[in-house]
Structures are given as structure tokens and as C-alpha cells.
Amino acid sequence: MRIRHGLCVILVLSALPSLGRDIFVDNRAGDDRSTGQQARGTSETGPVRTLGRALCLAQNGDAITMANTGLVYHESISLVGSRLSGSPQRPFVLRGNGAFLDGSAPIPPEAWRPYEGGVFRFRPRLMSYQQLFINDLPASRVIATGASHRPPKLRPREWCLLDGQIYFCVEPGKLPRDYRLTCAAGRTGITLFHVENVVIADLTVQGFQLDGISAFNSVRGVSLVNVTCRGNGRSGVTVGGASAATIANSLLANNGTAQLLTLPYSETRLAATHLLSNSAPGWVEQGGRVFLNGKRIEGGLDEFRPTALP
């Protein structure tokens, strides 16, 4: 009952206006010289342009509200310490309103080198984990075995990562320059460190080399509500280092090593959340405790698809 009550509180908090100040961000019409006090307007109290500036202005218990402008937010942010925390009655809130936080960057057409047949290869700057996107959507990946010295057979529009290189198969008559190809460039979308009572809601986080969202260490009372983490090189969400997080009404998919990765001393509660195995196991357990709909589970999950989201 306590777990169910806690989830209800999280969902209500994510829907209500903040009890602290609102700081508005608009990556199309905003200006980082503004104070962010108003959602619209070009005066000095209008929205700021970047999340980084909003975090500089924010205080304990505030809410950062992102405008969904149709443009992705190309940023990587960190929430650290008591200033960017909240209380159970007044959490610190990041509202995405359906916006995208994207860590990918274009691959220059001239960076591709012919490999064999219709396969081309490219060595990204960040090599240990990667993702390839076509038109901002994760491309279909084929996993290369660790012992292989050659990429697996790739069909058109498929890719693999082998020895720090991305291999991509084009369609007949095409070259890499005929596609809008991007790869992971930022390391982690949102890093949480030594914060308490934080709600992140209505946001898609994709295209980062390591994790979409990482509750890195000493994170308590963090709730991810209606969040999609997809196409990140390692995991959609990582929880570790004596951290406690709840993930509700969310989707984790198309990530490289795990949709959810849990590390020692952590606690993660899942409710009505999809963990898809389309690219990696749904949950990879490397320690910590995980509760699914209030019941403790162990050993990882290949996949979890709730019958319906509330």
C-alpha cells in the first residue's frame, strides 16, 4: 500500500504546478540573458534558451519547464547538490512537455570509408559505446561478437560496432552521404549526483554515448515519470551508488547494453514501464534491489511489457 501511495504522489506532483518558482526554457525563442520568469516574450523576464542557463538560475524546489518547439535540445546536463534538490512537499521538477534531449551529432559524409560491397565504416570520437541514427531515429543494429575480426553480415540500413568503428550498409545505388546519419556525441544526457526529491517528467532522452539518465551516486527520492530513454550507447537509465529511483509510465528501448542497468547499493522501483529487448536486455542486474509493481525481483529481465499503462 505504501508503494502504491508513493506512486500516486509522484504522478500527482508531476501534473501539478510547482510550489517553487517556474523557470521557462525555449530553445527557439529564448535568450540566455533573460531571467526565465515568463514562458513567452522577448523582454528580460522571458524564457532562457538553454537548460544549462536554467540550472544556473534555479534554486531548491524550483521547476524548469521546457517548451516543446519541435527542435531538439542538444545539451548534456547535471543536477548536483542541495540547490538543485527539493523536498517531499516541494520537489525540484524538470518538465519536458514532450521535448527531446539529444546527444547525437552529424557524421560528416567524408568521414566514411568503403569497406566491402555496400558496407562503409567510420571511427567515432567516442568508441566504447555507440549508437547510429537515421533521421534522428535509432538505426537497426546487429551485434558483433567479441571474438570476431570482421563485421557480421549487414542488410541495407543495418549497422554494427566493432573494434571502435561503426559499420553501416547502404541501400543499392546509395552512399552514406544520401542519408542523414548521426551518432552519439554527448556522454550522458542527465546526470544526478547528491540530489534529493527530483521529478523528471514528459521527456525523451536519446543519442548519448553512455546513459540517457544516470542516478550516479547518493540520489534519493528521484522519480522519472512518462520518460522515454532510447538509442543511448550503454543504457537508457542507470541507477547506482546508494541511489533510490522510481520509474513510472515510461519506455526504455533501443539502448546498447541494457535498457535499465542497476549497480550495487541502489534501489529502483518500476511501475507501468516498458523495458524492451529489441536491442539489449530489459534489465541488467549488477547489484542493488529492484521492485516491479511493488514486488522485489532479482536476476534481471529480458523484457517487460505491461498490459496497459494507467
C-alpha atoms as a PDB file:
ATOM      1  CA  MET A   1       0.000   0.000   0.000  1.00  0.00           C
ATOM      2  CA  ARG A   2       2.826   2.393   0.833  1.00  0.00           C
ATOM      3  CA  ILE A   3       4.439   1.760  -2.559  1.00  0.00           C
ATOM      4  CA  ARG A   4       1.160   2.361  -4.407  1.00  0.00           C
ATOM      5  CA  HIS A   5       0.551   5.538  -2.416  1.00  0.00           C
ATOM      6  CA  GLY A   6       4.050   6.757  -3.212  1.00  0.00           C
ATOM      7  CA  LEU A   7       3.470   6.239  -6.930  1.00  0.00           C
ATOM      8  CA  CYS A   8       0.218   8.197  -6.781  1.00  0.00           C
ATOM      9  CA  VAL A   9       2.025  11.072  -5.093  1.00  0.00           C
ATOM     10  CA  ILE A  10       4.681  11.054  -7.832  1.00  0.00           C
ATOM     11  CA  LEU A  11       2.101  11.194 -10.608  1.00  0.00           C
ATOM     12  CA  VAL A  12       0.170  13.988  -8.916  1.00  0.00           C
ATOM     13  CA  LEU A  13       3.327  16.019  -8.316  1.00  0.00           C
ATOM     14  CA  SER A  14       4.337  15.708 -11.964  1.00  0.00           C
ATOM     15  CA  ALA A  15       0.987  17.092 -13.094  1.00  0.00           C
ATOM     16  CA  LEU A  16       0.649  19.983 -10.651  1.00  0.00           C
ATOM     17  CA  PRO A  17       2.256  23.405 -10.966  1.00  0.00           C
ATOM     18  CA  SER A  18       5.425  23.781  -8.973  1.00  0.00           C
ATOM     19  CA  LEU A  19       5.184  25.163  -5.459  1.00  0.00           C
ATOM     20  CA  GLY A  20       8.508  26.925  -6.053  1.00  0.00           C
ATOM     21  CA  ARG A  21       9.481  29.239  -8.885  1.00  0.00           C
ATOM     22  CA  ASP A  22       9.000  28.315 -12.533  1.00  0.00           C
ATOM     23  CA  ILE A  23      11.926  28.843 -14.884  1.00  0.00           C
ATOM     24  CA  PHE A  24      10.978  28.625 -18.561  1.00  0.00           C
ATOM     25  CA  VAL A  25      13.261  27.372 -21.342  1.00  0.00           C
ATOM     26  CA  ASP A  26      12.619  27.822 -25.065  1.00  0.00           C
ATOM     27  CA  ASN A  27      15.347  26.683 -27.446  1.00  0.00           C
ATOM     28  CA  ARG A  28      13.796  28.556 -30.356  1.00  0.00           C
ATOM     29  CA  ALA A  29      12.689  31.925 -28.934  1.00  0.00           C
ATOM     30  CA  GLY A  30      14.560  32.083 -25.616  1.00  0.00           C
ATOM     31  CA  ASP A  31      17.545  34.213 -24.652  1.00  0.00           C
ATOM     32  CA  ASP A  32      20.085  33.249 -22.003  1.00  0.00           C
ATOM     33  CA  ARG A  33      20.338  36.912 -20.999  1.00  0.00           C
ATOM     34  CA  SER A  34      16.732  36.684 -19.731  1.00  0.00           C
ATOM     35  CA  THR A  35      15.618  35.588 -16.274  1.00  0.00           C
ATOM     36  CA  GLY A  36      13.246  32.831 -17.447  1.00  0.00           C
ATOM     37  CA  GLN A  37      10.318  34.061 -15.375  1.00  0.00           C
ATOM     38  CA  GLN A  38       7.833  34.049 -18.261  1.00  0.00           C
ATOM     39  CA  ALA A  39       7.079  31.384 -20.874  1.00  0.00           C
ATOM     40  CA  ARG A  40       6.792  33.942 -23.681  1.00  0.00           C
ATOM     41  CA  GLY A  41       8.121  37.341 -24.524  1.00  0.00           C
ATOM     42  CA  THR A  42      11.400  38.865 -25.559  1.00  0.00           C
ATOM     43  CA  SER A  43      11.848  41.106 -22.525  1.00  0.00           C
ATOM     44  CA  GLU A  44      14.431  40.444 -19.847  1.00  0.00           C
ATOM     45  CA  THR A  45      11.912  38.244 -17.990  1.00  0.00           C
ATOM     46  CA  GLY A  46      11.231  35.939 -20.970  1.00  0.00           C
ATOM     47  CA  PRO A  47      12.406  32.340 -21.347  1.00  0.00           C
ATOM     48  CA  VAL A  48      16.063  31.355 -21.418  1.00  0.00           C
ATOM     49  CA  ARG A  49      17.388  29.403 -24.384  1.00  0.00           C
ATOM     50  CA  THR A  50      19.319  26.567 -22.704  1.00  0.00           C
ATOM     51  CA  LEU A  51      18.819  24.127 -19.871  1.00  0.00           C
ATOM     52  CA  GLY A  52      22.319  24.925 -18.676  1.00  0.00           C
ATOM     53  CA  ARG A  53      21.338  28.547 -18.079  1.00  0.00           C
ATOM     54  CA  ALA A  54      18.102  27.499 -16.376  1.00  0.00           C
ATOM     55  CA  LEU A  55      20.058  25.311 -13.965  1.00  0.00           C
ATOM     56  CA  CYS A  56      22.329  28.240 -13.125  1.00  0.00           C
ATOM     57  CA  LEU A  57      19.248  30.277 -12.175  1.00  0.00           C
ATOM     58  CA  ALA A  58      17.411  27.502 -10.309  1.00  0.00           C
ATOM     59  CA  GLN A  59      17.151  27.059  -6.550  1.00  0.00           C
ATOM     60  CA  ASN A  60      15.907  24.336  -4.229  1.00  0.00           C
ATOM     61  CA  GLY A  61      12.294  23.342  -5.013  1.00  0.00           C
ATOM     62  CA  ASP A  62      12.056  25.194  -8.337  1.00  0.00           C
ATOM     63  CA  ALA A  63      10.629  23.829 -11.593  1.00  0.00           C
ATOM     64  CA  ILE A  64      12.258  24.056 -15.008  1.00  0.00           C
ATOM     65  CA  THR A  65       9.655  23.951 -17.775  1.00  0.00           C
ATOM     66  CA  MET A  66      10.842  23.206 -21.309  1.00  0.00           C
ATOM     67  CA  ALA A  67       8.990  24.431 -24.378  1.00  0.00           C
ATOM     68  CA  ASN A  68       8.386  21.687 -26.951  1.00  0.00           C
ATOM     69  CA  THR A  69       9.336  23.741 -30.000  1.00  0.00           C
ATOM     70  CA  GLY A  70       9.951  20.889 -32.430  1.00  0.00           C
ATOM     71  CA  LEU A  71      13.703  21.468 -32.127  1.00  0.00           C
ATOM     72  CA  VAL A  72      15.714  19.015 -30.048  1.00  0.00           C
ATOM     73  CA  TYR A  73      17.704  20.292 -27.081  1.00  0.00           C
ATOM     74  CA  HIS A  74      21.347  19.435 -27.812  1.00  0.00           C
ATOM     75  CA  GLU A  75      22.644  19.562 -24.260  1.00  0.00           C
ATOM     76  CA  SER A  76      24.037  17.357 -21.524  1.00  0.00           C
ATOM     77  CA  ILE A  77      23.099  18.457 -18.011  1.00  0.00           C
ATOM     78  CA  SER A  78      23.921  17.604 -14.401  1.00  0.00           C
ATOM     79  CA  LEU A  79      21.800  18.075 -11.285  1.00  0.00           C
ATOM     80  CA  VAL A  80      24.170  18.232  -8.329  1.00  0.00           C
ATOM     81  CA  GLY A  81      23.704  19.092  -4.663  1.00  0.00           C
ATOM     82  CA  SER A  82      21.075  20.649  -2.434  1.00  0.00           C
ATOM     83  CA  ARG A  83      20.484  23.725  -4.612  1.00  0.00           C
ATOM     84  CA  LEU A  84      19.063  21.510  -7.376  1.00  0.00           C
ATOM     85  CA  SER A  85      17.101  19.310  -4.978  1.00  0.00           C
ATOM     86  CA  GLY A  86      13.675  19.584  -3.386  1.00  0.00           C
ATOM     87  CA  SER A  87      11.596  18.277  -0.503  1.00  0.00           C
ATOM     88  CA  PRO A  88       8.794  15.685  -0.479  1.00  0.00           C
ATOM     89  CA  GLN A  89       6.286  18.535  -0.408  1.00  0.00           C
ATOM     90  CA  ARG A  90       8.124  20.665  -2.993  1.00  0.00           C
ATOM     91  CA  PRO A  91      10.275  18.563  -5.326  1.00  0.00           C
ATOM     92  CA  PHE A  92      12.668  20.001  -7.851  1.00  0.00           C
ATOM     93  CA  VAL A  93      10.938  19.409 -11.214  1.00  0.00           C
ATOM     94  CA  LEU A  94      12.173  19.181 -14.803  1.00  0.00           C
ATOM     95  CA  ARG A  95       9.156  19.161 -17.163  1.00  0.00           C
ATOM     96  CA  GLY A  96       9.886  18.256 -20.760  1.00  0.00           C
ATOM     97  CA  ASN A  97       6.383  18.731 -22.230  1.00  0.00           C
ATOM     98  CA  GLY A  98       7.274  16.071 -24.794  1.00  0.00           C
ATOM     99  CA  ALA A  99      10.568  17.684 -25.840  1.00  0.00           C
ATOM    100  CA  PHE A 100      13.730  15.773 -26.837  1.00  0.00           C
ATOM    101  CA  LEU A 101      17.135  15.966 -25.151  1.00  0.00           C
ATOM    102  CA  ASP A 102      19.534  14.658 -27.793  1.00  0.00           C
ATOM    103  CA  GLY A 103      23.246  13.929 -27.564  1.00  0.00           C
ATOM    104  CA  SER A 104      23.865  12.959 -31.182  1.00  0.00           C
ATOM    105  CA  ALA A 105      25.923  14.842 -33.759  1.00  0.00           C
ATOM    106  CA  PRO A 106      26.094  14.621 -37.579  1.00  0.00           C
ATOM    107  CA  ILE A 107      28.643  12.317 -39.183  1.00  0.00           C
ATOM    108  CA  PRO A 108      30.499  14.180 -41.966  1.00  0.00           C
ATOM    109  CA  PRO A 109      29.939  12.321 -45.259  1.00  0.00           C
ATOM    110  CA  GLU A 110      33.687  12.408 -45.976  1.00  0.00           C
ATOM    111  CA  ALA A 111      34.391  10.525 -42.711  1.00  0.00           C
ATOM    112  CA  TRP A 112      33.011   7.262 -44.144  1.00  0.00           C
ATOM    113  CA  ARG A 113      35.424   4.827 -45.765  1.00  0.00           C
ATOM    114  CA  PRO A 114      34.457   1.964 -48.117  1.00  0.00           C
ATOM    115  CA  TYR A 115      34.822  -1.443 -46.510  1.00  0.00           C
ATOM    116  CA  GLU A 116      33.256  -4.168 -48.591  1.00  0.00           C
ATOM    117  CA  GLY A 117      30.357  -4.195 -51.011  1.00  0.00           C
ATOM    118  CA  GLY A 118      27.728  -1.783 -49.748  1.00  0.00           C
ATOM    119  CA  VAL A 119      29.307  -1.534 -46.289  1.00  0.00           C
ATOM    120  CA  PHE A 120      31.127   1.604 -45.157  1.00  0.00           C
ATOM    121  CA  ARG A 121      32.905   2.279 -41.882  1.00  0.00           C
ATOM    122  CA  PHE A 122      33.626   5.273 -39.663  1.00  0.00           C
ATOM    123  CA  ARG A 123      35.570   5.700 -36.408  1.00  0.00           C
ATOM    124  CA  PRO A 124      33.701   7.977 -33.969  1.00  0.00           C
ATOM    125  CA  ARG A 125      35.414  10.084 -31.336  1.00  0.00           C
ATOM    126  CA  LEU A 126      33.688   8.126 -28.528  1.00  0.00           C
ATOM    127  CA  MET A 127      34.261   4.458 -29.261  1.00  0.00           C
ATOM    128  CA  SER A 128      33.457   2.217 -26.268  1.00  0.00           C
ATOM    129  CA  TYR A 129      29.670   2.534 -26.633  1.00  0.00           C
ATOM    130  CA  GLN A 130      27.844   3.983 -29.609  1.00  0.00           C
ATOM    131  CA  GLN A 131      24.546   4.425 -31.433  1.00  0.00           C
ATOM    132  CA  LEU A 132      23.751   5.243 -35.049  1.00  0.00           C
ATOM    133  CA  PHE A 133      20.688   7.257 -36.057  1.00  0.00           C
ATOM    134  CA  ILE A 134      18.946   7.734 -39.391  1.00  0.00           C
ATOM    135  CA  ASN A 135      16.773  10.855 -39.440  1.00  0.00           C
ATOM    136  CA  ASP A 136      17.005  11.091 -35.610  1.00  0.00           C
ATOM    137  CA  LEU A 137      15.677   7.534 -35.119  1.00  0.00           C
ATOM    138  CA  PRO A 138      17.842   4.614 -33.904  1.00  0.00           C
ATOM    139  CA  ALA A 139      19.009   2.513 -36.847  1.00  0.00           C
ATOM    140  CA  SER A 140      18.678  -1.267 -36.756  1.00  0.00           C
ATOM    141  CA  ARG A 141      21.734  -2.724 -35.025  1.00  0.00           C
ATOM    142  CA  VAL A 142      23.404  -6.117 -35.475  1.00  0.00           C
ATOM    143  CA  ILE A 143      25.568  -7.190 -32.531  1.00  0.00           C
ATOM    144  CA  ALA A 144      29.132  -8.166 -33.403  1.00  0.00           C
ATOM    145  CA  THR A 145      30.625 -10.938 -31.282  1.00  0.00           C
ATOM    146  CA  GLY A 146      33.659 -10.089 -29.206  1.00  0.00           C
ATOM    147  CA  ALA A 147      35.819 -12.732 -30.914  1.00  0.00           C
ATOM    148  CA  SER A 148      35.010 -11.561 -34.432  1.00  0.00           C
ATOM    149  CA  HIS A 149      37.550  -9.671 -36.536  1.00  0.00           C
ATOM    150  CA  ARG A 150      35.017  -8.949 -39.274  1.00  0.00           C
ATOM    151  CA  PRO A 151      31.603  -7.324 -39.025  1.00  0.00           C
ATOM    152  CA  PRO A 152      28.571  -9.632 -39.245  1.00  0.00           C
ATOM    153  CA  LYS A 153      26.565  -9.708 -42.455  1.00  0.00           C
ATOM    154  CA  LEU A 154      24.610  -6.472 -42.670  1.00  0.00           C
ATOM    155  CA  ARG A 155      21.474  -5.821 -44.653  1.00  0.00           C
ATOM    156  CA  PRO A 156      20.742  -2.351 -46.063  1.00  0.00           C
ATOM    157  CA  ARG A 157      20.263   0.283 -43.311  1.00  0.00           C
ATOM    158  CA  GLU A 158      21.733  -2.003 -40.635  1.00  0.00           C
ATOM    159  CA  TRP A 159      24.872  -1.225 -38.629  1.00  0.00           C
ATOM    160  CA  CYS A 160      27.241  -2.715 -36.064  1.00  0.00           C
ATOM    161  CA  LEU A 161      30.026  -1.557 -33.763  1.00  0.00           C
ATOM    162  CA  LEU A 162      33.286  -3.483 -33.983  1.00  0.00           C
ATOM    163  CA  ASP A 163      36.746  -2.522 -32.676  1.00  0.00           C
ATOM    164  CA  GLY A 164      35.662   1.064 -32.114  1.00  0.00           C
ATOM    165  CA  GLN A 165      34.291   1.512 -35.648  1.00  0.00           C
ATOM    166  CA  ILE A 166      30.721   1.874 -36.910  1.00  0.00           C
ATOM    167  CA  TYR A 167      29.928  -0.261 -39.967  1.00  0.00           C
ATOM    168  CA  PHE A 168      26.856   0.741 -41.990  1.00  0.00           C
ATOM    169  CA  CYS A 169      25.299  -0.945 -45.011  1.00  0.00           C
ATOM    170  CA  VAL A 170      23.759   1.347 -47.619  1.00  0.00           C
ATOM    171  CA  GLU A 171      20.934   0.514 -49.996  1.00  0.00           C
ATOM    172  CA  PRO A 172      21.782  -0.332 -53.625  1.00  0.00           C
ATOM    173  CA  GLY A 173      22.813   2.735 -55.570  1.00  0.00           C
ATOM    174  CA  LYS A 174      23.299   4.874 -52.465  1.00  0.00           C
ATOM    175  CA  LEU A 175      26.224   6.231 -50.454  1.00  0.00           C
ATOM    176  CA  PRO A 176      26.399   7.341 -46.781  1.00  0.00           C
ATOM    177  CA  ARG A 177      26.005  10.953 -47.885  1.00  0.00           C
ATOM    178  CA  ASP A 178      22.496  10.095 -49.124  1.00  0.00           C
ATOM    179  CA  TYR A 179      21.342   9.563 -45.511  1.00  0.00           C
ATOM    180  CA  ARG A 180      21.069  11.931 -42.565  1.00  0.00           C
ATOM    181  CA  LEU A 181      23.330   9.939 -40.242  1.00  0.00           C
ATOM    182  CA  THR A 182      24.229  10.922 -36.707  1.00  0.00           C
ATOM    183  CA  CYS A 183      25.987   9.150 -33.843  1.00  0.00           C
ATOM    184  CA  ALA A 184      26.297   9.582 -30.090  1.00  0.00           C
ATOM    185  CA  ALA A 185      28.493  12.544 -29.161  1.00  0.00           C
ATOM    186  CA  GLY A 186      27.474  13.610 -25.630  1.00  0.00           C
ATOM    187  CA  ARG A 187      28.370  11.226 -22.823  1.00  0.00           C
ATOM    188  CA  THR A 188      25.271  11.229 -20.555  1.00  0.00           C
ATOM    189  CA  GLY A 189      22.013  13.091 -21.016  1.00  0.00           C
ATOM    190  CA  ILE A 190      21.113  13.815 -17.387  1.00  0.00           C
ATOM    191  CA  THR A 191      23.473  13.045 -14.518  1.00  0.00           C
ATOM    192  CA  LEU A 192      22.070  13.114 -10.973  1.00  0.00           C
ATOM    193  CA  PHE A 193      24.573  13.375  -8.111  1.00  0.00           C
ATOM    194  CA  HIS A 194      23.856  14.021  -4.427  1.00  0.00           C
ATOM    195  CA  VAL A 195      20.304  15.274  -5.044  1.00  0.00           C
ATOM    196  CA  GLU A 196      17.020  14.530  -3.293  1.00  0.00           C
ATOM    197  CA  ASN A 197      13.347  14.716  -4.290  1.00  0.00           C
ATOM    198  CA  VAL A 198      13.642  15.368  -8.013  1.00  0.00           C
ATOM    199  CA  VAL A 199      10.915  14.690 -10.613  1.00  0.00           C
ATOM    200  CA  ILE A 200      11.786  14.410 -14.317  1.00  0.00           C
ATOM    201  CA  ALA A 201       8.663  14.175 -16.472  1.00  0.00           C
ATOM    202  CA  ASP A 202       7.460  14.097 -20.083  1.00  0.00           C
ATOM    203  CA  LEU A 203      10.874  13.997 -21.736  1.00  0.00           C
ATOM    204  CA  THR A 204      12.671  11.855 -24.340  1.00  0.00           C
ATOM    205  CA  VAL A 205      16.431  11.404 -23.829  1.00  0.00           C
ATOM    206  CA  GLN A 206      18.395   9.870 -26.688  1.00  0.00           C
ATOM    207  CA  GLY A 207      21.690   9.758 -28.532  1.00  0.00           C
ATOM    208  CA  PHE A 208      24.157   9.758 -25.630  1.00  0.00           C
ATOM    209  CA  GLN A 209      27.245   7.594 -25.585  1.00  0.00           C
ATOM    210  CA  LEU A 210      26.779   6.189 -22.075  1.00  0.00           C
ATOM    211  CA  ASP A 211      23.377   6.644 -20.433  1.00  0.00           C
ATOM    212  CA  GLY A 212      20.246   8.608 -21.106  1.00  0.00           C
ATOM    213  CA  ILE A 213      19.744   9.267 -17.379  1.00  0.00           C
ATOM    214  CA  SER A 214      22.224   8.279 -14.670  1.00  0.00           C
ATOM    215  CA  ALA A 215      21.429   8.390 -10.954  1.00  0.00           C
ATOM    216  CA  PHE A 216      25.137   8.287 -10.326  1.00  0.00           C
ATOM    217  CA  ASN A 217      25.609   8.448  -6.555  1.00  0.00           C
ATOM    218  CA  SER A 218      23.721   9.355  -3.362  1.00  0.00           C
ATOM    219  CA  VAL A 219      20.493  10.180  -5.169  1.00  0.00           C
ATOM    220  CA  ARG A 220      17.324   9.823  -3.089  1.00  0.00           C
ATOM    221  CA  GLY A 221      13.665  10.216  -3.942  1.00  0.00           C
ATOM    222  CA  VAL A 222      14.113  10.695  -7.682  1.00  0.00           C
ATOM    223  CA  SER A 223      11.124   9.944  -9.922  1.00  0.00           C
ATOM    224  CA  LEU A 224      11.106   9.514 -13.700  1.00  0.00           C
ATOM    225  CA  VAL A 225       7.537   9.858 -14.977  1.00  0.00           C
ATOM    226  CA  ASN A 226       6.443   9.456 -18.595  1.00  0.00           C
ATOM    227  CA  VAL A 227      10.063   9.457 -19.741  1.00  0.00           C
ATOM    228  CA  THR A 228      11.432   7.755 -22.859  1.00  0.00           C
ATOM    229  CA  CYS A 229      15.131   6.822 -22.906  1.00  0.00           C
ATOM    230  CA  ARG A 230      16.127   5.334 -26.236  1.00  0.00           C
ATOM    231  CA  GLY A 231      19.124   4.968 -28.508  1.00  0.00           C
ATOM    232  CA  ASN A 232      21.808   5.517 -25.872  1.00  0.00           C
ATOM    233  CA  GLY A 233      25.102   3.683 -26.157  1.00  0.00           C
ATOM    234  CA  ARG A 234      25.123   1.872 -22.816  1.00  0.00           C
ATOM    235  CA  SER A 235      21.767   2.127 -21.019  1.00  0.00           C
ATOM    236  CA  GLY A 236      18.549   4.069 -21.000  1.00  0.00           C
ATOM    237  CA  VAL A 237      18.692   4.521 -17.226  1.00  0.00           C
ATOM    238  CA  THR A 238      21.453   3.583 -14.782  1.00  0.00           C
ATOM    239  CA  VAL A 239      20.856   3.580 -11.016  1.00  0.00           C
ATOM    240  CA  GLY A 240      23.786   3.005  -8.687  1.00  0.00           C
ATOM    241  CA  GLY A 241      25.884   4.180  -5.775  1.00  0.00           C
ATOM    242  CA  ALA A 242      23.389   4.207  -2.880  1.00  0.00           C
ATOM    243  CA  SER A 243      20.717   5.836  -5.053  1.00  0.00           C
ATOM    244  CA  ALA A 244      16.956   5.294  -4.989  1.00  0.00           C
ATOM    245  CA  ALA A 245      14.754   5.986  -8.010  1.00  0.00           C
ATOM    246  CA  THR A 246      11.220   5.286  -9.211  1.00  0.00           C
ATOM    247  CA  ILE A 247      10.469   4.868 -12.931  1.00  0.00           C
ATOM    248  CA  ALA A 248       6.768   5.122 -13.792  1.00  0.00           C
ATOM    249  CA  ASN A 249       4.782   5.155 -17.038  1.00  0.00           C
ATOM    250  CA  SER A 250       7.990   5.193 -19.047  1.00  0.00           C
ATOM    251  CA  LEU A 251       9.651   3.485 -22.022  1.00  0.00           C
ATOM    252  CA  LEU A 252      13.257   2.249 -22.175  1.00  0.00           C
ATOM    253  CA  ALA A 253      14.225   0.828 -25.576  1.00  0.00           C
ATOM    254  CA  ASN A 254      16.865   0.672 -28.333  1.00  0.00           C
ATOM    255  CA  ASN A 255      19.742   1.162 -25.884  1.00  0.00           C
ATOM    256  CA  GLY A 256      23.068  -0.583 -26.417  1.00  0.00           C
ATOM    257  CA  THR A 257      23.847  -2.778 -23.384  1.00  0.00           C
ATOM    258  CA  ALA A 258      20.759  -2.550 -21.167  1.00  0.00           C
ATOM    259  CA  GLN A 259      17.508  -0.661 -21.088  1.00  0.00           C
ATOM    260  CA  LEU A 260      17.895  -0.446 -17.291  1.00  0.00           C
ATOM    261  CA  LEU A 261      21.230  -1.014 -15.535  1.00  0.00           C
ATOM    262  CA  THR A 262      21.348  -1.301 -11.745  1.00  0.00           C
ATOM    263  CA  LEU A 263      24.568  -1.162  -9.734  1.00  0.00           C
ATOM    264  CA  PRO A 264      25.416  -2.116  -6.124  1.00  0.00           C
ATOM    265  CA  TYR A 265      23.671  -0.390  -3.194  1.00  0.00           C
ATOM    266  CA  SER A 266      20.913   1.071  -5.382  1.00  0.00           C
ATOM    267  CA  GLU A 267      17.138   0.688  -5.186  1.00  0.00           C
ATOM    268  CA  THR A 268      14.861   1.007  -8.211  1.00  0.00           C
ATOM    269  CA  ARG A 269      11.066   0.818  -8.293  1.00  0.00           C
ATOM    270  CA  LEU A 270       9.303   0.188 -11.601  1.00  0.00           C
ATOM    271  CA  ALA A 271       5.612   0.756 -12.323  1.00  0.00           C
ATOM    272  CA  ALA A 272       3.829   0.526 -15.685  1.00  0.00           C
ATOM    273  CA  THR A 273       7.134   0.889 -17.501  1.00  0.00           C
ATOM    274  CA  HIS A 274       8.133  -0.853 -20.741  1.00  0.00           C
ATOM    275  CA  LEU A 275      11.599  -2.438 -20.832  1.00  0.00           C
ATOM    276  CA  LEU A 276      12.009  -3.687 -24.401  1.00  0.00           C
ATOM    277  CA  SER A 277      14.545  -6.271 -25.542  1.00  0.00           C
ATOM    278  CA  ASN A 278      14.731  -5.005 -29.127  1.00  0.00           C
ATOM    279  CA  SER A 279      18.415  -4.108 -28.792  1.00  0.00           C
ATOM    280  CA  ALA A 280      19.557  -5.325 -25.344  1.00  0.00           C
ATOM    281  CA  PRO A 281      18.091  -6.992 -22.241  1.00  0.00           C
ATOM    282  CA  GLY A 282      15.361  -5.079 -20.464  1.00  0.00           C
ATOM    283  CA  TRP A 283      17.156  -5.039 -17.115  1.00  0.00           C
ATOM    284  CA  VAL A 284      20.779  -5.951 -16.460  1.00  0.00           C
ATOM    285  CA  GLU A 285      21.435  -6.524 -12.777  1.00  0.00           C
ATOM    286  CA  GLN A 286      24.897  -5.704 -11.481  1.00  0.00           C
ATOM    287  CA  GLY A 287      23.703  -5.183  -7.922  1.00  0.00           C
ATOM    288  CA  GLY A 288      21.113  -3.267  -5.951  1.00  0.00           C
ATOM    289  CA  ARG A 289      17.428  -4.036  -5.359  1.00  0.00           C
ATOM    290  CA  VAL A 290      14.630  -3.740  -7.917  1.00  0.00           C
ATOM    291  CA  PHE A 291      10.887  -3.753  -7.276  1.00  0.00           C
ATOM    292  CA  LEU A 292       8.376  -4.305 -10.074  1.00  0.00           C
ATOM    293  CA  ASN A 293       4.855  -3.131  -9.230  1.00  0.00           C
ATOM    294  CA  GLY A 294       5.785  -3.346  -5.547  1.00  0.00           C
ATOM    295  CA  LYS A 295       7.283  -6.865  -5.632  1.00  0.00           C
ATOM    296  CA  ARG A 296      11.001  -7.455  -5.416  1.00  0.00           C
ATOM    297  CA  ILE A 297      12.565  -9.199  -8.415  1.00  0.00           C
ATOM    298  CA  GLU A 298      16.083 -10.498  -8.955  1.00  0.00           C
ATOM    299  CA  GLY A 299      18.376 -11.658 -11.719  1.00  0.00           C
ATOM    300  CA  GLY A 300      17.500  -9.224 -14.481  1.00  0.00           C
ATOM    301  CA  LEU A 301      14.758  -9.214 -17.106  1.00  0.00           C
ATOM    302  CA  ASP A 302      14.922  -9.995 -20.790  1.00  0.00           C
ATOM    303  CA  GLU A 303      11.896  -7.795 -21.332  1.00  0.00           C
ATOM    304  CA  PHE A 304       8.876  -6.364 -19.563  1.00  0.00           C
ATOM    305  CA  ARG A 305       5.757  -5.123 -21.329  1.00  0.00           C
ATOM    306  CA  PRO A 306       2.898  -4.117 -19.012  1.00  0.00           C
ATOM    307  CA  THR A 307      -0.510  -4.983 -20.420  1.00  0.00           C
ATOM    308  CA  ALA A 308      -1.633  -1.382 -20.177  1.00  0.00           C
ATOM    309  CA  LEU A 309      -0.361   1.927 -18.920  1.00  0.00           C
ATOM    310  CA  PRO A 310      -2.680   3.640 -16.419  1.00  0.00           C
END
